[in-house]
Amino acid sequence: METPLASFDAPLLTGKKLCLVSILRAGQGLLDGMRTLLPSARIGHIGLYRDQETLTPVEYFFKVPEDIEERMVILVDPMLATGHTAVAAVHRLKDAGAAAIKLAVLVAAPEGLRTFHDAHPDVPVFTAAVDERLDENGYILPGLGDAGDRLYGTR
């Protein structure tokens, strides 16, 4: 393995076949780094957006490998705010046959973690930080703002 500072020998992880699934569009920001770490993983995408009035997820795209039931799925999205989008994504993955699923996010809100674990107690969540709370619009405080807008310079 080559880093900017030195070379080193790194063990190769073996085991169950992997599938990285990003929740479009913000999940793409995490997917690129995950692909660097796990280059042999298959890739899937779930297009969901949060309706700003109801805060419920709306699906517009779904594409995963045909053998999803044979793979460990790592679902990636930068933030777990209300939890509704991640809940919908995992429901969709389970409907497609995925049985081994993990959720990886950068920042989570306590409310989103509760909502997610109530719906999917069998799916572990890995996060770098649990922030204070959600505001009245369902955004994480202090949070990062809209991850997709920040990643892609929109809005």
N, C-alpha and C. Protein backbone atom coordinates (compact mmCIF):
# COMPACT_ATOMS: atom_id res chain seq x y z
N MET A 1 0.85 -1.16 0.00
CA MET A 1 0.00 0.00 0.00
C MET A 1 0.90 1.22 0.00
N GLU A 2 0.52 2.24 -0.73
CA GLU A 2 1.32 3.46 -0.85
C GLU A 2 0.54 4.63 -0.26
N THR A 3 1.12 5.30 0.75
CA THR A 3 0.51 6.51 1.29
C THR A 3 1.37 7.70 0.85
N PRO A 4 0.93 8.91 1.11
CA PRO A 4 1.79 10.05 0.75
C PRO A 4 3.12 10.08 1.51
N LEU A 5 3.20 9.35 2.63
CA LEU A 5 4.41 9.40 3.45
C LEU A 5 5.29 8.17 3.35
N ALA A 6 4.70 7.00 3.10
CA ALA A 6 5.51 5.78 3.08
C ALA A 6 4.74 4.63 2.45
N SER A 7 5.46 3.56 2.18
CA SER A 7 4.86 2.32 1.69
C SER A 7 4.76 1.34 2.85
N PHE A 8 3.76 0.44 2.80
CA PHE A 8 3.65 -0.58 3.83
C PHE A 8 2.86 -1.76 3.29
N ASP A 9 3.05 -2.91 3.95
CA ASP A 9 2.30 -4.11 3.60
C ASP A 9 1.01 -4.11 4.40
N ALA A 10 -0.11 -4.26 3.72
CA ALA A 10 -1.41 -4.28 4.38
C ALA A 10 -2.08 -5.62 4.11
N PRO A 11 -2.69 -6.21 5.12
CA PRO A 11 -3.37 -7.49 4.91
C PRO A 11 -4.58 -7.29 3.99
N LEU A 12 -4.90 -8.31 3.25
CA LEU A 12 -6.07 -8.31 2.39
C LEU A 12 -7.22 -8.93 3.16
N LEU A 13 -8.33 -8.20 3.26
CA LEU A 13 -9.49 -8.71 3.98
C LEU A 13 -10.19 -9.77 3.14
N THR A 14 -10.55 -10.87 3.78
CA THR A 14 -11.27 -11.92 3.07
C THR A 14 -12.58 -12.18 3.79
N GLY A 15 -13.43 -12.89 3.14
CA GLY A 15 -14.71 -13.20 3.75
C GLY A 15 -15.84 -12.98 2.77
N LYS A 16 -16.97 -12.60 3.31
CA LYS A 16 -18.17 -12.41 2.53
C LYS A 16 -17.98 -11.35 1.45
N LYS A 17 -18.59 -11.56 0.29
CA LYS A 17 -18.55 -10.57 -0.77
C LYS A 17 -19.28 -9.32 -0.31
N LEU A 18 -18.77 -8.17 -0.72
CA LEU A 18 -19.31 -6.89 -0.27
C LEU A 18 -20.06 -6.16 -1.38
N CYS A 19 -20.98 -5.32 -0.95
CA CYS A 19 -21.66 -4.39 -1.83
C CYS A 19 -21.79 -3.06 -1.09
N LEU A 20 -21.26 -2.02 -1.67
CA LEU A 20 -21.40 -0.67 -1.13
C LEU A 20 -22.59 -0.03 -1.82
N VAL A 21 -23.53 0.49 -1.04
CA VAL A 21 -24.71 1.13 -1.60
C VAL A 21 -24.77 2.55 -1.07
N SER A 22 -24.81 3.50 -1.99
CA SER A 22 -24.92 4.89 -1.56
C SER A 22 -26.34 5.38 -1.73
N ILE A 23 -26.74 6.24 -0.80
CA ILE A 23 -28.02 6.93 -0.93
C ILE A 23 -27.71 8.21 -1.71
N LEU A 24 -28.24 8.27 -2.92
CA LEU A 24 -27.96 9.41 -3.78
C LEU A 24 -28.58 10.68 -3.21
N ARG A 25 -27.97 11.75 -3.36
CA ARG A 25 -26.74 12.07 -4.00
C ARG A 25 -25.60 12.22 -3.03
N ALA A 26 -25.90 12.59 -1.79
CA ALA A 26 -24.86 12.87 -0.80
C ALA A 26 -24.01 11.64 -0.49
N GLY A 27 -24.58 10.45 -0.57
CA GLY A 27 -23.82 9.23 -0.28
C GLY A 27 -22.65 9.02 -1.22
N GLN A 28 -22.71 9.63 -2.41
CA GLN A 28 -21.61 9.50 -3.36
C GLN A 28 -20.31 10.03 -2.78
N GLY A 29 -20.39 11.04 -1.91
CA GLY A 29 -19.19 11.60 -1.30
C GLY A 29 -18.45 10.60 -0.43
N LEU A 30 -19.17 9.68 0.19
CA LEU A 30 -18.53 8.63 0.99
C LEU A 30 -18.15 7.43 0.13
N LEU A 31 -18.92 7.19 -0.90
CA LEU A 31 -18.70 6.01 -1.73
C LEU A 31 -17.31 6.01 -2.36
N ASP A 32 -16.84 7.15 -2.83
CA ASP A 32 -15.54 7.19 -3.47
C ASP A 32 -14.42 6.73 -2.53
N GLY A 33 -14.44 7.19 -1.30
CA GLY A 33 -13.43 6.76 -0.33
C GLY A 33 -13.56 5.30 0.03
N MET A 34 -14.80 4.84 0.17
CA MET A 34 -15.03 3.43 0.49
C MET A 34 -14.52 2.52 -0.64
N ARG A 35 -14.71 2.96 -1.87
CA ARG A 35 -14.23 2.16 -3.02
C ARG A 35 -12.71 2.06 -3.03
N THR A 36 -12.04 3.08 -2.55
CA THR A 36 -10.59 3.04 -2.45
C THR A 36 -10.16 1.96 -1.46
N LEU A 37 -10.87 1.88 -0.33
CA LEU A 37 -10.56 0.88 0.70
C LEU A 37 -11.00 -0.53 0.31
N LEU A 38 -12.09 -0.62 -0.44
CA LEU A 38 -12.69 -1.91 -0.79
C LEU A 38 -12.90 -1.99 -2.30
N PRO A 39 -11.82 -2.05 -3.07
CA PRO A 39 -11.94 -1.96 -4.53
C PRO A 39 -12.69 -3.11 -5.19
N SER A 40 -12.80 -4.24 -4.54
CA SER A 40 -13.49 -5.37 -5.16
C SER A 40 -14.99 -5.38 -4.84
N ALA A 41 -15.45 -4.45 -4.02
CA ALA A 41 -16.87 -4.42 -3.66
C ALA A 41 -17.71 -4.01 -4.87
N ARG A 42 -18.86 -4.63 -5.00
CA ARG A 42 -19.83 -4.21 -6.01
C ARG A 42 -20.50 -2.94 -5.51
N ILE A 43 -21.13 -2.22 -6.42
CA ILE A 43 -21.72 -0.92 -6.09
C ILE A 43 -23.21 -0.94 -6.40
N GLY A 44 -23.98 -0.31 -5.51
CA GLY A 44 -25.40 -0.11 -5.74
C GLY A 44 -25.78 1.32 -5.40
N HIS A 45 -26.94 1.74 -5.87
CA HIS A 45 -27.41 3.10 -5.61
C HIS A 45 -28.89 3.09 -5.29
N ILE A 46 -29.27 3.92 -4.33
CA ILE A 46 -30.67 4.14 -4.02
C ILE A 46 -30.89 5.65 -4.08
N GLY A 47 -31.77 6.06 -4.97
CA GLY A 47 -32.10 7.48 -5.08
C GLY A 47 -33.28 7.80 -4.20
N LEU A 48 -33.03 8.54 -3.14
CA LEU A 48 -34.08 8.98 -2.22
C LEU A 48 -33.85 10.44 -1.91
N TYR A 49 -34.93 11.18 -1.79
CA TYR A 49 -34.82 12.54 -1.28
C TYR A 49 -35.88 12.74 -0.22
N ARG A 50 -35.64 13.71 0.65
CA ARG A 50 -36.55 13.98 1.74
C ARG A 50 -37.51 15.09 1.34
N ASP A 51 -38.79 14.77 1.33
CA ASP A 51 -39.81 15.78 1.08
C ASP A 51 -39.72 16.82 2.19
N GLN A 52 -39.50 18.06 1.84
CA GLN A 52 -39.25 19.11 2.84
C GLN A 52 -40.46 19.44 3.70
N GLU A 53 -41.66 19.14 3.22
CA GLU A 53 -42.85 19.43 4.03
C GLU A 53 -43.19 18.29 4.98
N THR A 54 -43.11 17.06 4.49
CA THR A 54 -43.50 15.92 5.32
C THR A 54 -42.31 15.24 5.99
N LEU A 55 -41.09 15.54 5.52
CA LEU A 55 -39.84 14.93 5.97
C LEU A 55 -39.80 13.43 5.69
N THR A 56 -40.66 12.95 4.79
CA THR A 56 -40.67 11.53 4.44
C THR A 56 -39.85 11.31 3.17
N PRO A 57 -39.25 10.14 3.02
CA PRO A 57 -38.43 9.86 1.85
C PRO A 57 -39.27 9.53 0.61
N VAL A 58 -38.76 9.96 -0.53
CA VAL A 58 -39.38 9.68 -1.82
C VAL A 58 -38.32 8.98 -2.68
N GLU A 59 -38.63 7.78 -3.17
CA GLU A 59 -37.66 7.03 -3.98
C GLU A 59 -37.81 7.40 -5.44
N TYR A 60 -36.66 7.59 -6.12
CA TYR A 60 -36.67 7.85 -7.56
C TYR A 60 -35.73 6.95 -8.34
N PHE A 61 -34.89 6.14 -7.64
CA PHE A 61 -33.97 5.25 -8.35
C PHE A 61 -33.56 4.12 -7.41
N PHE A 62 -33.39 2.92 -7.99
CA PHE A 62 -32.91 1.77 -7.22
C PHE A 62 -32.19 0.82 -8.15
N LYS A 63 -30.90 0.57 -7.89
CA LYS A 63 -30.12 -0.36 -8.71
C LYS A 63 -29.06 -0.99 -7.83
N VAL A 64 -29.14 -2.31 -7.65
CA VAL A 64 -28.16 -3.06 -6.87
C VAL A 64 -27.77 -4.31 -7.64
N PRO A 65 -26.65 -4.95 -7.30
CA PRO A 65 -26.27 -6.18 -7.98
C PRO A 65 -27.35 -7.26 -7.83
N GLU A 66 -27.47 -8.09 -8.85
CA GLU A 66 -28.48 -9.16 -8.83
C GLU A 66 -28.28 -10.14 -7.69
N ASP A 67 -27.03 -10.34 -7.27
CA ASP A 67 -26.74 -11.31 -6.20
C ASP A 67 -26.66 -10.63 -4.82
N ILE A 68 -27.45 -9.61 -4.61
CA ILE A 68 -27.39 -8.83 -3.36
C ILE A 68 -27.59 -9.71 -2.12
N GLU A 69 -28.37 -10.78 -2.26
CA GLU A 69 -28.63 -11.65 -1.11
C GLU A 69 -27.38 -12.41 -0.66
N GLU A 70 -26.36 -12.48 -1.51
CA GLU A 70 -25.11 -13.17 -1.18
C GLU A 70 -24.05 -12.23 -0.62
N ARG A 71 -24.36 -10.97 -0.54
CA ARG A 71 -23.35 -9.97 -0.18
C ARG A 71 -23.65 -9.27 1.14
N MET A 72 -22.60 -8.88 1.84
CA MET A 72 -22.75 -7.98 2.96
C MET A 72 -22.88 -6.58 2.36
N VAL A 73 -23.90 -5.86 2.76
CA VAL A 73 -24.15 -4.53 2.23
C VAL A 73 -23.73 -3.49 3.26
N ILE A 74 -22.96 -2.53 2.80
CA ILE A 74 -22.63 -1.36 3.61
C ILE A 74 -23.32 -0.18 2.94
N LEU A 75 -24.35 0.33 3.61
CA LEU A 75 -25.12 1.46 3.12
C LEU A 75 -24.44 2.73 3.61
N VAL A 76 -24.16 3.68 2.70
CA VAL A 76 -23.43 4.88 3.09
C VAL A 76 -24.24 6.15 2.78
N ASP A 77 -24.22 7.06 3.74
CA ASP A 77 -24.84 8.37 3.61
C ASP A 77 -24.16 9.26 4.64
N PRO A 78 -23.87 10.51 4.34
CA PRO A 78 -23.13 11.33 5.30
C PRO A 78 -23.85 11.56 6.62
N MET A 79 -25.19 11.70 6.58
CA MET A 79 -25.88 12.06 7.81
C MET A 79 -27.11 11.20 8.05
N LEU A 80 -27.36 10.95 9.31
CA LEU A 80 -28.57 10.27 9.77
C LEU A 80 -29.31 11.30 10.61
N ALA A 81 -30.25 12.00 10.00
CA ALA A 81 -30.96 13.08 10.69
C ALA A 81 -32.25 12.54 11.30
N THR A 82 -33.35 12.58 10.57
CA THR A 82 -34.61 12.03 11.10
C THR A 82 -34.57 10.51 11.13
N GLY A 83 -33.76 9.92 10.26
CA GLY A 83 -33.67 8.47 10.15
C GLY A 83 -34.60 7.88 9.11
N HIS A 84 -35.55 8.66 8.62
CA HIS A 84 -36.56 8.11 7.71
C HIS A 84 -35.97 7.64 6.37
N THR A 85 -35.01 8.38 5.84
CA THR A 85 -34.41 7.99 4.57
C THR A 85 -33.64 6.68 4.72
N ALA A 86 -32.85 6.56 5.77
CA ALA A 86 -32.09 5.33 6.00
C ALA A 86 -33.02 4.15 6.25
N VAL A 87 -34.10 4.37 6.98
CA VAL A 87 -35.09 3.31 7.23
C VAL A 87 -35.67 2.84 5.90
N ALA A 88 -36.05 3.78 5.03
CA ALA A 88 -36.62 3.42 3.73
C ALA A 88 -35.60 2.68 2.87
N ALA A 89 -34.35 3.12 2.91
CA ALA A 89 -33.31 2.46 2.11
C ALA A 89 -33.10 1.02 2.56
N VAL A 90 -33.06 0.80 3.87
CA VAL A 90 -32.86 -0.56 4.37
C VAL A 90 -34.08 -1.43 4.06
N HIS A 91 -35.29 -0.89 4.19
CA HIS A 91 -36.48 -1.65 3.79
C HIS A 91 -36.35 -2.09 2.34
N ARG A 92 -35.92 -1.17 1.49
CA ARG A 92 -35.79 -1.48 0.05
C ARG A 92 -34.73 -2.55 -0.19
N LEU A 93 -33.61 -2.45 0.52
CA LEU A 93 -32.55 -3.45 0.39
C LEU A 93 -33.03 -4.82 0.86
N LYS A 94 -33.74 -4.86 1.98
CA LYS A 94 -34.26 -6.13 2.48
C LYS A 94 -35.28 -6.71 1.49
N ASP A 95 -36.12 -5.87 0.91
CA ASP A 95 -37.08 -6.34 -0.10
C ASP A 95 -36.38 -6.95 -1.30
N ALA A 96 -35.17 -6.45 -1.61
CA ALA A 96 -34.39 -6.97 -2.73
C ALA A 96 -33.63 -8.23 -2.37
N GLY A 97 -33.65 -8.62 -1.08
CA GLY A 97 -33.00 -9.86 -0.66
C GLY A 97 -31.79 -9.70 0.22
N ALA A 98 -31.36 -8.48 0.47
CA ALA A 98 -30.18 -8.26 1.33
C ALA A 98 -30.50 -8.69 2.75
N ALA A 99 -29.60 -9.45 3.35
CA ALA A 99 -29.82 -9.92 4.71
C ALA A 99 -28.78 -9.37 5.68
N ALA A 100 -27.56 -9.16 5.21
CA ALA A 100 -26.47 -8.64 6.05
C ALA A 100 -26.22 -7.19 5.65
N ILE A 101 -26.67 -6.26 6.49
CA ILE A 101 -26.59 -4.84 6.16
C ILE A 101 -25.97 -4.10 7.34
N LYS A 102 -25.13 -3.11 7.01
CA LYS A 102 -24.56 -2.19 7.99
C LYS A 102 -24.75 -0.78 7.43
N LEU A 103 -24.93 0.19 8.32
CA LEU A 103 -25.09 1.58 7.91
C LEU A 103 -23.89 2.38 8.38
N ALA A 104 -23.25 3.11 7.46
CA ALA A 104 -22.11 3.95 7.79
C ALA A 104 -22.46 5.41 7.49
N VAL A 105 -22.40 6.26 8.52
CA VAL A 105 -22.68 7.69 8.37
C VAL A 105 -21.58 8.48 9.08
N LEU A 106 -21.45 9.75 8.72
CA LEU A 106 -20.48 10.59 9.40
C LEU A 106 -21.05 11.20 10.67
N VAL A 107 -22.26 11.77 10.57
CA VAL A 107 -22.88 12.47 11.68
C VAL A 107 -24.31 11.96 11.85
N ALA A 108 -24.71 11.74 13.09
CA ALA A 108 -26.07 11.26 13.38
C ALA A 108 -26.69 12.14 14.46
N ALA A 109 -28.01 12.19 14.43
CA ALA A 109 -28.78 12.85 15.49
C ALA A 109 -29.37 11.76 16.38
N PRO A 110 -29.52 12.01 17.67
CA PRO A 110 -30.10 11.00 18.56
C PRO A 110 -31.49 10.55 18.09
N GLU A 111 -32.30 11.49 17.60
CA GLU A 111 -33.65 11.15 17.13
C GLU A 111 -33.60 10.18 15.95
N GLY A 112 -32.66 10.42 15.03
CA GLY A 112 -32.51 9.54 13.87
C GLY A 112 -32.03 8.16 14.26
N LEU A 113 -31.12 8.09 15.22
CA LEU A 113 -30.65 6.79 15.69
C LEU A 113 -31.79 5.99 16.31
N ARG A 114 -32.63 6.65 17.11
CA ARG A 114 -33.78 5.96 17.72
C ARG A 114 -34.75 5.46 16.65
N THR A 115 -35.08 6.32 15.70
CA THR A 115 -36.00 5.94 14.63
C THR A 115 -35.45 4.76 13.84
N PHE A 116 -34.16 4.84 13.51
CA PHE A 116 -33.54 3.78 12.72
C PHE A 116 -33.52 2.47 13.49
N HIS A 117 -33.08 2.50 14.74
CA HIS A 117 -32.98 1.26 15.52
C HIS A 117 -34.35 0.67 15.84
N ASP A 118 -35.38 1.51 15.98
CA ASP A 118 -36.73 0.99 16.18
C ASP A 118 -37.20 0.21 14.96
N ALA A 119 -36.84 0.70 13.77
CA ALA A 119 -37.27 0.04 12.53
C ALA A 119 -36.38 -1.15 12.15
N HIS A 120 -35.08 -1.03 12.41
CA HIS A 120 -34.12 -2.06 11.99
C HIS A 120 -33.13 -2.37 13.12
N PRO A 121 -33.57 -3.01 14.20
CA PRO A 121 -32.66 -3.29 15.30
C PRO A 121 -31.53 -4.26 14.92
N ASP A 122 -31.70 -4.94 13.79
CA ASP A 122 -30.70 -5.91 13.33
C ASP A 122 -29.58 -5.27 12.50
N VAL A 123 -29.67 -3.98 12.22
CA VAL A 123 -28.68 -3.31 11.37
C VAL A 123 -27.83 -2.37 12.22
N PRO A 124 -26.53 -2.66 12.37
CA PRO A 124 -25.67 -1.78 13.16
C PRO A 124 -25.38 -0.48 12.41
N VAL A 125 -25.22 0.59 13.19
CA VAL A 125 -24.89 1.90 12.65
C VAL A 125 -23.48 2.26 13.11
N PHE A 126 -22.66 2.70 12.17
CA PHE A 126 -21.31 3.18 12.46
C PHE A 126 -21.27 4.66 12.12
N THR A 127 -20.92 5.50 13.10
CA THR A 127 -20.89 6.94 12.89
C THR A 127 -19.66 7.54 13.55
N ALA A 128 -19.19 8.65 13.00
CA ALA A 128 -18.06 9.35 13.59
C ALA A 128 -18.50 10.26 14.73
N ALA A 129 -19.75 10.73 14.69
CA ALA A 129 -20.22 11.66 15.72
C ALA A 129 -21.73 11.58 15.88
N VAL A 130 -22.18 11.74 17.11
CA VAL A 130 -23.61 11.91 17.40
C VAL A 130 -23.75 13.34 17.90
N ASP A 131 -24.43 14.16 17.08
CA ASP A 131 -24.60 15.57 17.43
C ASP A 131 -25.74 15.75 18.42
N GLU A 132 -26.03 17.00 18.76
CA GLU A 132 -26.93 17.34 19.85
C GLU A 132 -28.38 16.95 19.61
N ARG A 133 -28.97 17.40 18.49
CA ARG A 133 -30.39 17.18 18.24
C ARG A 133 -30.76 17.63 16.84
N LEU A 134 -32.05 17.48 16.50
CA LEU A 134 -32.58 18.01 15.25
C LEU A 134 -33.25 19.36 15.52
N ASP A 135 -33.23 20.23 14.50
CA ASP A 135 -34.00 21.47 14.62
C ASP A 135 -35.42 21.23 14.12
N GLU A 136 -36.24 22.26 14.09
CA GLU A 136 -37.64 22.11 13.69
C GLU A 136 -37.81 21.73 12.22
N ASN A 137 -36.75 21.87 11.42
CA ASN A 137 -36.81 21.49 10.01
C ASN A 137 -36.21 20.11 9.75
N GLY A 138 -35.80 19.41 10.80
CA GLY A 138 -35.23 18.08 10.65
C GLY A 138 -33.76 18.08 10.28
N TYR A 139 -33.06 19.18 10.53
CA TYR A 139 -31.62 19.25 10.28
C TYR A 139 -30.87 19.02 11.59
N ILE A 140 -29.71 18.38 11.47
CA ILE A 140 -28.89 18.08 12.64
C ILE A 140 -28.22 19.36 13.15
N LEU A 141 -28.26 19.53 14.48
CA LEU A 141 -27.57 20.65 15.12
C LEU A 141 -26.44 20.12 16.00
N PRO A 142 -25.22 20.62 15.96
CA PRO A 142 -24.83 21.68 15.07
C PRO A 142 -24.72 21.24 13.62
N GLY A 143 -24.45 19.97 13.35
CA GLY A 143 -24.49 19.43 12.00
C GLY A 143 -23.55 20.07 11.01
N LEU A 144 -23.82 19.79 9.74
CA LEU A 144 -22.96 20.27 8.66
C LEU A 144 -23.75 21.02 7.59
N GLY A 145 -25.03 21.20 7.78
CA GLY A 145 -25.86 21.74 6.71
C GLY A 145 -26.28 20.62 5.78
N ASP A 146 -26.70 20.94 4.60
CA ASP A 146 -27.10 19.93 3.61
C ASP A 146 -25.85 19.32 2.99
N ALA A 147 -25.60 18.04 3.24
CA ALA A 147 -24.36 17.40 2.78
C ALA A 147 -24.24 17.41 1.27
N GLY A 148 -25.33 17.13 0.56
CA GLY A 148 -25.28 17.13 -0.90
C GLY A 148 -24.93 18.51 -1.45
N ASP A 149 -25.55 19.54 -0.91
CA ASP A 149 -25.25 20.90 -1.36
C ASP A 149 -23.80 21.26 -1.07
N ARG A 150 -23.31 20.87 0.09
CA ARG A 150 -21.92 21.16 0.44
C ARG A 150 -20.94 20.41 -0.46
N LEU A 151 -21.25 19.15 -0.75
CA LEU A 151 -20.36 18.36 -1.60
C LEU A 151 -20.31 18.88 -3.03
N TYR A 152 -21.45 19.31 -3.55
CA TYR A 152 -21.54 19.62 -4.97
C TYR A 152 -21.72 21.11 -5.26
N GLY A 153 -21.65 21.96 -4.24
CA GLY A 153 -21.68 23.39 -4.45
C GLY A 153 -22.99 23.93 -5.01
N THR A 154 -24.09 23.27 -4.66
CA THR A 154 -25.38 23.71 -5.13
C THR A 154 -26.09 24.48 -4.04
N ARG A 155 -27.12 25.19 -4.44
CA ARG A 155 -27.99 25.94 -3.54
C ARG A 155 -27.36 27.08 -2.88
